[in-house]
Amino acid sequence: MPQTKPIISIENVVASASVNQRVDLNQITRTFTDVEYHPDQFPGLVFRLKVPKTATLIFSSGKMVCTGAKSSDLASKAVKMVVQKLRKGGIDIVNEAEIVIQNIVASASLGGNVHLEEAARQLPRSMYEPEQFPGLIHRMSEPKTVILLFASGKLVCTGAKKEVEVYQAVNNLHNKLEQMQLMIY
């Protein structure tokens, strides 16, 4: 029987977007003094927002990658805000951004310790090599995620495309560990 419900926190949502047109990064740099653009080092421009606290990479192809959001909604909102700010600054953007969530990274605590050695033996698609990395790497097929699980019962879940998948993955793993009696409270 689970002693506690896992405490889950979404740490980062990565969204890709495209306005399906070319964008003049030099014009953006001239208009917005606080953007970062070093074309000799990296082909994209970094456009940061304070609220929601995100960084959006903008490429001349019109493709964008937004990182740092704490939810899918905030990631979408951030991209839309960047496009709106560009337009207000006189950058001609004809289309609305097509936004796709690429990855959600979350941390969680299962509320107890875990027998990692035994979990590695019993959980399919798991790898545990403590001399190389202190956590067990579990590749979950449904929902398709990768979970880094530590003896402390803390974990990192990555690869989800929807927030609900994070909750499903963590709860599925917690229930499995409970059934296998690998949780120590």
N, C-alpha and C. Protein backbone atom coordinates (compact mmCIF):
# COMPACT_ATOMS: atom_id res chain seq x y z
N MET A 1 0.84 -1.20 0.00
CA MET A 1 0.00 0.00 0.00
C MET A 1 0.87 1.25 0.00
N PRO A 2 0.62 2.18 -0.93
CA PRO A 2 1.43 3.40 -0.94
C PRO A 2 1.25 4.19 0.35
N GLN A 3 2.37 4.60 0.93
CA GLN A 3 2.34 5.42 2.14
C GLN A 3 1.97 6.86 1.80
N THR A 4 2.48 7.32 0.68
CA THR A 4 2.23 8.71 0.27
C THR A 4 2.01 8.76 -1.23
N LYS A 5 1.46 9.87 -1.67
CA LYS A 5 1.32 10.10 -3.10
C LYS A 5 2.58 10.84 -3.54
N PRO A 6 3.16 10.48 -4.69
CA PRO A 6 4.37 11.19 -5.13
C PRO A 6 4.12 12.70 -5.27
N ILE A 7 5.12 13.49 -4.90
CA ILE A 7 5.06 14.94 -5.08
C ILE A 7 5.80 15.24 -6.37
N ILE A 8 5.07 15.77 -7.36
CA ILE A 8 5.61 15.96 -8.71
C ILE A 8 5.69 17.44 -9.03
N SER A 9 6.80 17.85 -9.62
CA SER A 9 6.99 19.25 -9.99
C SER A 9 7.53 19.34 -11.42
N ILE A 10 6.80 20.04 -12.29
CA ILE A 10 7.28 20.22 -13.66
C ILE A 10 8.34 21.30 -13.64
N GLU A 11 9.53 20.97 -14.15
CA GLU A 11 10.69 21.86 -14.07
C GLU A 11 10.92 22.64 -15.36
N ASN A 12 10.66 21.99 -16.50
CA ASN A 12 10.97 22.62 -17.78
C ASN A 12 10.11 22.01 -18.88
N VAL A 13 9.54 22.88 -19.70
CA VAL A 13 8.79 22.43 -20.87
C VAL A 13 9.50 23.02 -22.09
N VAL A 14 9.83 22.15 -23.04
CA VAL A 14 10.49 22.59 -24.28
C VAL A 14 9.47 22.52 -25.41
N ALA A 15 9.29 23.66 -26.07
CA ALA A 15 8.33 23.72 -27.19
C ALA A 15 9.06 24.19 -28.43
N SER A 16 8.73 23.59 -29.57
CA SER A 16 9.25 24.10 -30.84
C SER A 16 8.10 24.85 -31.49
N ALA A 17 8.46 25.80 -32.32
CA ALA A 17 7.43 26.60 -32.99
C ALA A 17 7.97 27.04 -34.34
N SER A 18 7.06 27.41 -35.23
CA SER A 18 7.47 27.95 -36.51
C SER A 18 6.44 28.97 -36.97
N VAL A 19 6.95 30.09 -37.53
CA VAL A 19 6.05 31.09 -38.11
C VAL A 19 6.02 30.93 -39.64
N ASN A 20 6.68 29.87 -40.13
CA ASN A 20 6.66 29.51 -41.56
C ASN A 20 7.04 30.68 -42.48
N GLN A 21 8.09 31.39 -42.10
CA GLN A 21 8.62 32.46 -42.96
C GLN A 21 10.02 32.79 -42.48
N ARG A 22 10.82 33.44 -43.32
CA ARG A 22 12.17 33.84 -42.92
C ARG A 22 12.07 35.04 -41.99
N VAL A 23 13.01 35.14 -41.07
CA VAL A 23 13.02 36.24 -40.10
C VAL A 23 14.41 36.87 -40.13
N ASP A 24 14.46 38.21 -40.14
CA ASP A 24 15.74 38.93 -40.16
C ASP A 24 16.24 39.10 -38.72
N LEU A 25 17.21 38.26 -38.34
CA LEU A 25 17.72 38.28 -36.97
C LEU A 25 18.48 39.57 -36.67
N ASN A 26 19.15 40.14 -37.68
CA ASN A 26 19.89 41.39 -37.48
C ASN A 26 18.92 42.53 -37.17
N GLN A 27 17.77 42.54 -37.85
CA GLN A 27 16.76 43.56 -37.60
C GLN A 27 16.23 43.44 -36.16
N ILE A 28 16.02 42.18 -35.71
CA ILE A 28 15.55 41.97 -34.33
C ILE A 28 16.59 42.49 -33.34
N THR A 29 17.87 42.22 -33.63
CA THR A 29 18.95 42.66 -32.75
C THR A 29 19.01 44.19 -32.67
N ARG A 30 18.77 44.85 -33.80
CA ARG A 30 18.78 46.32 -33.81
C ARG A 30 17.58 46.89 -33.04
N THR A 31 16.45 46.19 -33.10
CA THR A 31 15.21 46.67 -32.47
C THR A 31 15.17 46.38 -30.97
N PHE A 32 15.62 45.19 -30.58
CA PHE A 32 15.57 44.77 -29.17
C PHE A 32 17.00 44.65 -28.65
N THR A 33 17.38 45.59 -27.77
CA THR A 33 18.77 45.64 -27.30
C THR A 33 19.11 44.51 -26.33
N ASP A 34 18.10 43.91 -25.70
CA ASP A 34 18.39 42.88 -24.69
C ASP A 34 18.43 41.45 -25.24
N VAL A 35 18.34 41.27 -26.56
CA VAL A 35 18.45 39.91 -27.10
C VAL A 35 19.94 39.55 -27.24
N GLU A 36 20.21 38.25 -27.30
CA GLU A 36 21.60 37.79 -27.49
C GLU A 36 21.71 37.17 -28.88
N TYR A 37 22.65 37.66 -29.64
CA TYR A 37 22.87 37.11 -30.98
C TYR A 37 24.35 37.17 -31.32
N HIS A 38 24.97 35.99 -31.43
CA HIS A 38 26.39 35.86 -31.78
C HIS A 38 26.49 34.85 -32.92
N PRO A 39 26.18 35.30 -34.16
CA PRO A 39 26.10 34.37 -35.28
C PRO A 39 27.39 33.58 -35.55
N ASP A 40 28.53 34.12 -35.09
CA ASP A 40 29.79 33.38 -35.27
C ASP A 40 29.85 32.16 -34.35
N GLN A 41 29.08 32.18 -33.24
CA GLN A 41 29.09 31.07 -32.28
C GLN A 41 27.87 30.15 -32.42
N PHE A 42 26.71 30.75 -32.75
CA PHE A 42 25.46 29.98 -32.80
C PHE A 42 24.49 30.69 -33.75
N PRO A 43 23.81 29.92 -34.62
CA PRO A 43 22.96 30.57 -35.65
C PRO A 43 21.66 31.17 -35.14
N GLY A 44 21.33 30.93 -33.88
CA GLY A 44 20.05 31.43 -33.35
C GLY A 44 20.23 32.64 -32.45
N LEU A 45 19.14 33.37 -32.31
CA LEU A 45 19.07 34.54 -31.45
C LEU A 45 18.32 34.13 -30.19
N VAL A 46 18.73 34.63 -29.02
CA VAL A 46 18.05 34.29 -27.77
C VAL A 46 17.19 35.47 -27.33
N PHE A 47 15.89 35.22 -27.19
CA PHE A 47 14.91 36.24 -26.78
C PHE A 47 14.36 35.79 -25.43
N ARG A 48 14.72 36.51 -24.37
CA ARG A 48 14.29 36.12 -23.02
C ARG A 48 13.06 36.93 -22.58
N LEU A 49 12.18 36.24 -21.85
CA LEU A 49 11.04 36.91 -21.21
C LEU A 49 11.21 36.76 -19.70
N LYS A 50 10.79 37.79 -18.97
CA LYS A 50 10.84 37.69 -17.50
C LYS A 50 9.61 36.94 -16.98
N VAL A 51 8.44 37.18 -17.63
CA VAL A 51 7.20 36.48 -17.25
C VAL A 51 6.47 36.03 -18.51
N PRO A 52 6.25 34.73 -18.74
CA PRO A 52 6.85 33.63 -17.97
C PRO A 52 8.36 33.57 -18.23
N LYS A 53 9.13 33.19 -17.21
CA LYS A 53 10.60 33.18 -17.31
C LYS A 53 11.03 32.10 -18.30
N THR A 54 11.33 32.53 -19.52
CA THR A 54 11.68 31.60 -20.60
C THR A 54 12.77 32.21 -21.47
N ALA A 55 13.38 31.34 -22.26
CA ALA A 55 14.31 31.78 -23.30
C ALA A 55 13.82 31.14 -24.59
N THR A 56 13.64 31.96 -25.62
CA THR A 56 13.20 31.45 -26.91
C THR A 56 14.31 31.67 -27.93
N LEU A 57 14.76 30.58 -28.53
CA LEU A 57 15.74 30.68 -29.60
C LEU A 57 14.98 30.96 -30.88
N ILE A 58 15.42 31.94 -31.64
CA ILE A 58 14.78 32.26 -32.92
C ILE A 58 15.82 32.08 -34.01
N PHE A 59 15.45 31.35 -35.05
CA PHE A 59 16.35 31.11 -36.18
C PHE A 59 15.83 31.85 -37.40
N SER A 60 16.72 32.15 -38.34
CA SER A 60 16.33 32.93 -39.53
C SER A 60 15.29 32.20 -40.37
N SER A 61 15.18 30.88 -40.22
CA SER A 61 14.18 30.09 -40.94
C SER A 61 12.76 30.34 -40.42
N GLY A 62 12.66 31.05 -39.28
CA GLY A 62 11.35 31.26 -38.66
C GLY A 62 11.01 30.19 -37.64
N LYS A 63 11.94 29.24 -37.45
CA LYS A 63 11.74 28.21 -36.42
C LYS A 63 12.18 28.78 -35.08
N MET A 64 11.53 28.30 -34.01
CA MET A 64 11.84 28.76 -32.66
C MET A 64 11.84 27.57 -31.71
N VAL A 65 12.60 27.70 -30.62
CA VAL A 65 12.58 26.71 -29.55
C VAL A 65 12.48 27.48 -28.24
N CYS A 66 11.45 27.20 -27.47
CA CYS A 66 11.22 27.88 -26.20
C CYS A 66 11.54 26.91 -25.05
N THR A 67 12.36 27.35 -24.10
CA THR A 67 12.69 26.52 -22.94
C THR A 67 12.47 27.31 -21.66
N GLY A 68 12.30 26.59 -20.57
CA GLY A 68 12.23 27.22 -19.26
C GLY A 68 10.83 27.34 -18.68
N ALA A 69 9.81 27.12 -19.49
CA ALA A 69 8.43 27.25 -18.99
C ALA A 69 8.13 26.14 -17.99
N LYS A 70 7.23 26.43 -17.05
CA LYS A 70 6.86 25.45 -16.02
C LYS A 70 5.58 24.69 -16.35
N SER A 71 5.00 24.98 -17.54
CA SER A 71 3.82 24.24 -17.98
C SER A 71 3.71 24.38 -19.50
N SER A 72 2.93 23.49 -20.12
CA SER A 72 2.70 23.55 -21.56
C SER A 72 2.01 24.86 -21.93
N ASP A 73 1.05 25.28 -21.11
CA ASP A 73 0.32 26.52 -21.37
C ASP A 73 1.26 27.72 -21.35
N LEU A 74 2.17 27.75 -20.36
CA LEU A 74 3.12 28.86 -20.26
C LEU A 74 4.10 28.86 -21.43
N ALA A 75 4.48 27.67 -21.92
CA ALA A 75 5.39 27.59 -23.07
C ALA A 75 4.70 28.19 -24.30
N SER A 76 3.44 27.82 -24.53
CA SER A 76 2.67 28.36 -25.66
C SER A 76 2.50 29.87 -25.52
N LYS A 77 2.17 30.30 -24.30
CA LYS A 77 1.97 31.71 -24.02
C LYS A 77 3.27 32.48 -24.31
N ALA A 78 4.40 31.94 -23.90
CA ALA A 78 5.70 32.61 -24.10
C ALA A 78 5.99 32.80 -25.59
N VAL A 79 5.77 31.76 -26.39
CA VAL A 79 6.01 31.86 -27.84
C VAL A 79 5.11 32.94 -28.44
N LYS A 80 3.84 32.92 -28.07
CA LYS A 80 2.89 33.92 -28.59
C LYS A 80 3.30 35.34 -28.17
N MET A 81 3.79 35.49 -26.94
CA MET A 81 4.25 36.80 -26.46
C MET A 81 5.47 37.28 -27.25
N VAL A 82 6.39 36.36 -27.54
CA VAL A 82 7.58 36.73 -28.32
C VAL A 82 7.16 37.22 -29.71
N VAL A 83 6.26 36.47 -30.36
CA VAL A 83 5.78 36.87 -31.70
C VAL A 83 5.10 38.24 -31.62
N GLN A 84 4.29 38.44 -30.59
CA GLN A 84 3.59 39.72 -30.39
C GLN A 84 4.59 40.86 -30.20
N LYS A 85 5.62 40.64 -29.38
CA LYS A 85 6.65 41.66 -29.14
C LYS A 85 7.41 41.98 -30.44
N LEU A 86 7.71 40.94 -31.22
CA LEU A 86 8.41 41.15 -32.49
C LEU A 86 7.56 42.05 -33.41
N ARG A 87 6.26 41.72 -33.50
CA ARG A 87 5.36 42.52 -34.34
C ARG A 87 5.29 43.97 -33.85
N LYS A 88 5.17 44.15 -32.53
CA LYS A 88 5.12 45.51 -31.96
C LYS A 88 6.39 46.27 -32.27
N GLY A 89 7.51 45.54 -32.37
CA GLY A 89 8.80 46.16 -32.66
C GLY A 89 9.02 46.39 -34.15
N GLY A 90 7.99 46.11 -34.96
CA GLY A 90 8.08 46.37 -36.39
C GLY A 90 8.63 45.22 -37.22
N ILE A 91 8.78 44.04 -36.62
CA ILE A 91 9.23 42.86 -37.37
C ILE A 91 7.98 42.27 -38.03
N ASP A 92 8.04 42.12 -39.36
CA ASP A 92 6.87 41.68 -40.12
C ASP A 92 6.70 40.17 -40.01
N ILE A 93 5.81 39.74 -39.11
CA ILE A 93 5.50 38.32 -38.97
C ILE A 93 4.04 38.13 -39.37
N VAL A 94 3.87 37.42 -40.49
CA VAL A 94 2.56 37.27 -41.11
C VAL A 94 1.71 36.21 -40.40
N ASN A 95 2.31 35.07 -40.12
CA ASN A 95 1.56 33.91 -39.60
C ASN A 95 1.60 33.82 -38.09
N GLU A 96 0.64 33.08 -37.54
CA GLU A 96 0.69 32.74 -36.11
C GLU A 96 1.68 31.59 -35.97
N ALA A 97 2.31 31.51 -34.82
CA ALA A 97 3.28 30.44 -34.57
C ALA A 97 2.55 29.11 -34.40
N GLU A 98 3.07 28.07 -35.07
CA GLU A 98 2.58 26.71 -34.85
C GLU A 98 3.47 26.12 -33.77
N ILE A 99 2.85 25.78 -32.64
CA ILE A 99 3.61 25.37 -31.46
C ILE A 99 3.41 23.88 -31.17
N VAL A 100 4.52 23.17 -30.91
CA VAL A 100 4.46 21.75 -30.57
C VAL A 100 5.32 21.52 -29.32
N ILE A 101 4.72 20.90 -28.30
CA ILE A 101 5.49 20.56 -27.09
C ILE A 101 6.38 19.37 -27.45
N GLN A 102 7.69 19.51 -27.20
CA GLN A 102 8.66 18.47 -27.57
C GLN A 102 9.06 17.59 -26.38
N ASN A 103 9.15 18.21 -25.20
CA ASN A 103 9.66 17.47 -24.05
C ASN A 103 9.24 18.17 -22.77
N ILE A 104 8.89 17.36 -21.77
CA ILE A 104 8.59 17.89 -20.44
C ILE A 104 9.52 17.18 -19.46
N VAL A 105 10.20 17.99 -18.65
CA VAL A 105 11.09 17.45 -17.62
C VAL A 105 10.47 17.76 -16.27
N ALA A 106 10.35 16.73 -15.43
CA ALA A 106 9.77 16.92 -14.11
C ALA A 106 10.63 16.23 -13.06
N SER A 107 10.54 16.72 -11.84
CA SER A 107 11.19 16.04 -10.72
C SER A 107 10.07 15.54 -9.82
N ALA A 108 10.37 14.53 -9.04
CA ALA A 108 9.35 14.01 -8.13
C ALA A 108 10.02 13.34 -6.94
N SER A 109 9.25 13.22 -5.88
CA SER A 109 9.69 12.49 -4.70
C SER A 109 8.63 11.44 -4.38
N LEU A 110 9.06 10.21 -4.23
CA LEU A 110 8.12 9.12 -3.96
C LEU A 110 7.80 9.00 -2.47
N GLY A 111 8.46 9.79 -1.63
CA GLY A 111 8.14 9.81 -0.21
C GLY A 111 8.77 8.69 0.60
N GLY A 112 9.73 8.02 0.02
CA GLY A 112 10.44 6.95 0.74
C GLY A 112 11.64 6.53 -0.09
N ASN A 113 12.49 5.67 0.49
CA ASN A 113 13.67 5.19 -0.23
C ASN A 113 13.30 4.00 -1.13
N VAL A 114 14.21 3.68 -2.05
CA VAL A 114 13.96 2.60 -3.02
C VAL A 114 15.13 1.63 -3.01
N HIS A 115 14.83 0.33 -3.05
CA HIS A 115 15.85 -0.72 -3.22
C HIS A 115 16.25 -0.72 -4.70
N LEU A 116 17.28 0.05 -5.07
CA LEU A 116 17.62 0.18 -6.50
C LEU A 116 18.15 -1.11 -7.11
N GLU A 117 19.00 -1.84 -6.38
CA GLU A 117 19.57 -3.09 -6.92
C GLU A 117 18.45 -4.04 -7.33
N GLU A 118 17.50 -4.22 -6.43
CA GLU A 118 16.40 -5.14 -6.67
C GLU A 118 15.47 -4.59 -7.76
N ALA A 119 15.26 -3.28 -7.76
CA ALA A 119 14.42 -2.65 -8.78
C ALA A 119 15.03 -2.89 -10.16
N ALA A 120 16.35 -2.79 -10.27
CA ALA A 120 17.05 -3.00 -11.54
C ALA A 120 16.83 -4.43 -12.02
N ARG A 121 16.80 -5.38 -11.09
CA ARG A 121 16.58 -6.78 -11.45
C ARG A 121 15.14 -7.03 -11.90
N GLN A 122 14.18 -6.39 -11.23
CA GLN A 122 12.78 -6.70 -11.47
C GLN A 122 12.09 -5.83 -12.52
N LEU A 123 12.56 -4.59 -12.70
CA LEU A 123 11.90 -3.70 -13.66
C LEU A 123 12.45 -3.93 -15.06
N PRO A 124 11.57 -4.25 -16.02
CA PRO A 124 12.07 -4.39 -17.40
C PRO A 124 12.56 -3.04 -17.94
N ARG A 125 13.44 -3.07 -18.92
CA ARG A 125 13.99 -1.86 -19.55
C ARG A 125 14.62 -0.91 -18.54
N SER A 126 15.35 -1.49 -17.57
CA SER A 126 16.04 -0.67 -16.57
C SER A 126 17.53 -0.97 -16.59
N MET A 127 18.29 0.04 -16.24
CA MET A 127 19.75 -0.09 -16.21
C MET A 127 20.24 0.56 -14.93
N TYR A 128 21.12 -0.13 -14.21
CA TYR A 128 21.67 0.44 -12.99
C TYR A 128 23.13 0.07 -12.90
N GLU A 129 23.99 1.05 -13.05
CA GLU A 129 25.44 0.85 -12.93
C GLU A 129 25.97 1.92 -11.98
N PRO A 130 25.88 1.65 -10.66
CA PRO A 130 26.18 2.67 -9.65
C PRO A 130 27.60 3.25 -9.75
N GLU A 131 28.53 2.50 -10.32
CA GLU A 131 29.90 3.04 -10.45
C GLU A 131 29.97 4.10 -11.55
N GLN A 132 28.98 4.11 -12.44
CA GLN A 132 28.95 5.11 -13.51
C GLN A 132 27.96 6.24 -13.22
N PHE A 133 26.82 5.90 -12.61
CA PHE A 133 25.77 6.89 -12.34
C PHE A 133 24.96 6.39 -11.14
N PRO A 134 24.68 7.27 -10.17
CA PRO A 134 24.04 6.80 -8.93
C PRO A 134 22.57 6.42 -9.05
N GLY A 135 21.97 6.68 -10.20
CA GLY A 135 20.55 6.39 -10.35
C GLY A 135 20.27 5.23 -11.29
N LEU A 136 19.08 4.68 -11.13
CA LEU A 136 18.58 3.65 -12.04
C LEU A 136 17.92 4.37 -13.22
N ILE A 137 18.21 3.91 -14.43
CA ILE A 137 17.60 4.49 -15.63
C ILE A 137 16.51 3.53 -16.08
N HIS A 138 15.28 4.01 -16.03
CA HIS A 138 14.14 3.15 -16.41
C HIS A 138 13.46 3.75 -17.63
N ARG A 139 13.41 2.97 -18.71
CA ARG A 139 12.74 3.39 -19.94
C ARG A 139 11.34 2.82 -19.93
N MET A 140 10.37 3.70 -19.69
CA MET A 140 8.98 3.26 -19.62
C MET A 140 8.38 3.32 -21.02
N SER A 141 7.65 2.26 -21.40
CA SER A 141 7.09 2.25 -22.75
C SER A 141 5.73 2.95 -22.82
N GLU A 142 4.97 2.93 -21.70
CA GLU A 142 3.65 3.56 -21.70
C GLU A 142 3.40 4.29 -20.39
N PRO A 143 3.35 5.61 -20.36
CA PRO A 143 3.68 6.52 -21.47
C PRO A 143 5.20 6.51 -21.73
N LYS A 144 5.58 6.81 -22.96
CA LYS A 144 6.98 6.74 -23.38
C LYS A 144 7.79 7.84 -22.69
N THR A 145 8.51 7.45 -21.64
CA THR A 145 9.32 8.39 -20.87
C THR A 145 10.58 7.69 -20.40
N VAL A 146 11.52 8.47 -19.91
CA VAL A 146 12.71 7.92 -19.26
C VAL A 146 12.73 8.50 -17.85
N ILE A 147 12.89 7.61 -16.87
CA ILE A 147 12.91 8.04 -15.47
C ILE A 147 14.26 7.70 -14.87
N LEU A 148 14.89 8.71 -14.26
CA LEU A 148 16.12 8.51 -13.50
C LEU A 148 15.68 8.42 -12.05
N LEU A 149 15.85 7.24 -11.45
CA LEU A 149 15.36 6.99 -10.10
C LEU A 149 16.53 6.82 -9.15
N PHE A 150 16.48 7.52 -8.02
CA PHE A 150 17.57 7.46 -7.04
C PHE A 150 17.12 6.74 -5.78
N ALA A 151 18.09 6.23 -5.01
CA ALA A 151 17.80 5.46 -3.79
C ALA A 151 16.97 6.27 -2.80
N SER A 152 17.09 7.59 -2.84
CA SER A 152 16.35 8.48 -1.93
C SER A 152 14.86 8.53 -2.25
N GLY A 153 14.46 7.94 -3.38
CA GLY A 153 13.07 8.01 -3.81
C GLY A 153 12.79 9.25 -4.65
N LYS A 154 13.84 10.04 -4.88
CA LYS A 154 13.68 11.19 -5.76
C LYS A 154 13.93 10.72 -7.19
N LEU A 155 13.30 11.40 -8.15
CA LEU A 155 13.46 10.99 -9.53
C LEU A 155 13.34 12.17 -10.48
N VAL A 156 13.79 11.96 -11.70
CA VAL A 156 13.61 12.92 -12.78
C VAL A 156 12.93 12.16 -13.91
N CYS A 157 11.87 12.73 -14.44
CA CYS A 157 11.13 12.12 -15.55
C CYS A 157 11.28 13.02 -16.76
N THR A 158 11.66 12.44 -17.89
CA THR A 158 11.84 13.22 -19.11
C THR A 158 11.24 12.47 -20.30
N GLY A 159 10.95 13.21 -21.35
CA GLY A 159 10.45 12.58 -22.58
C GLY A 159 8.96 12.69 -22.78
N ALA A 160 8.22 13.13 -21.77
CA ALA A 160 6.77 13.26 -21.91
C ALA A 160 6.46 14.44 -22.84
N LYS A 161 5.35 14.31 -23.58
CA LYS A 161 4.91 15.39 -24.47
C LYS A 161 3.71 16.12 -23.89
N LYS A 162 3.05 15.49 -22.90
CA LYS A 162 1.89 16.08 -22.24
C LYS A 162 2.09 15.97 -20.74
N GLU A 163 1.60 16.96 -20.00
CA GLU A 163 1.77 16.95 -18.55
C GLU A 163 1.13 15.72 -17.91
N VAL A 164 -0.01 15.28 -18.44
CA VAL A 164 -0.70 14.12 -17.88
C VAL A 164 0.20 12.87 -17.96
N GLU A 165 1.05 12.80 -18.99
CA GLU A 165 1.97 11.64 -19.13
C GLU A 165 3.00 11.60 -18.01
N VAL A 166 3.43 12.77 -17.53
CA VAL A 166 4.37 12.82 -16.41
C VAL A 166 3.73 12.17 -15.19
N TYR A 167 2.50 12.57 -14.89
CA TYR A 167 1.79 12.04 -13.73
C TYR A 167 1.54 10.54 -13.87
N GLN A 168 1.16 10.11 -15.09
CA GLN A 168 0.94 8.68 -15.33
C GLN A 168 2.23 7.90 -15.11
N ALA A 169 3.34 8.39 -15.68
CA ALA A 169 4.62 7.68 -15.60
C ALA A 169 5.08 7.54 -14.15
N VAL A 170 5.06 8.64 -13.41
CA VAL A 170 5.53 8.62 -12.02
C VAL A 170 4.62 7.73 -11.16
N ASN A 171 3.31 7.85 -11.33
CA ASN A 171 2.39 7.03 -10.54
C ASN A 171 2.49 5.55 -10.92
N ASN A 172 2.65 5.25 -12.23
CA ASN A 172 2.84 3.85 -12.67
C ASN A 172 4.07 3.25 -12.00
N LEU A 173 5.18 4.00 -12.04
CA LEU A 173 6.43 3.49 -11.45
C LEU A 173 6.26 3.30 -9.94
N HIS A 174 5.66 4.27 -9.29
CA HIS A 174 5.46 4.20 -7.83
C HIS A 174 4.62 2.97 -7.48
N ASN A 175 3.53 2.76 -8.22
CA ASN A 175 2.67 1.59 -7.97
C ASN A 175 3.42 0.29 -8.18
N LYS A 176 4.24 0.23 -9.26
CA LYS A 176 5.03 -0.98 -9.53
C LYS A 176 6.00 -1.26 -8.38
N LEU A 177 6.69 -0.21 -7.93
CA LEU A 177 7.66 -0.36 -6.83
C LEU A 177 6.96 -0.82 -5.56
N GLU A 178 5.75 -0.32 -5.33
CA GLU A 178 4.93 -0.73 -4.18
C GLU A 178 4.60 -2.22 -4.28
N GLN A 179 4.08 -2.62 -5.46
CA GLN A 179 3.69 -4.01 -5.67
C GLN A 179 4.87 -4.96 -5.49
N MET A 180 6.05 -4.52 -5.93
CA MET A 180 7.25 -5.35 -5.81
C MET A 180 7.88 -5.23 -4.44
N GLN A 181 7.28 -4.43 -3.56
CA GLN A 181 7.76 -4.18 -2.21
C GLN A 181 9.20 -3.67 -2.19
N LEU A 182 9.45 -2.71 -3.08
CA LEU A 182 10.80 -2.12 -3.19
C LEU A 182 10.88 -0.73 -2.58
N MET A 183 9.76 -0.25 -2.03
CA MET A 183 9.75 1.05 -1.35
C MET A 183 10.06 0.82 0.13
N ILE A 184 10.88 1.71 0.72
CA ILE A 184 11.20 1.64 2.14
C ILE A 184 10.74 2.95 2.76
N TYR A 185 9.80 2.86 3.72
CA TYR A 185 9.30 4.07 4.37
C TYR A 185 9.82 4.17 5.79
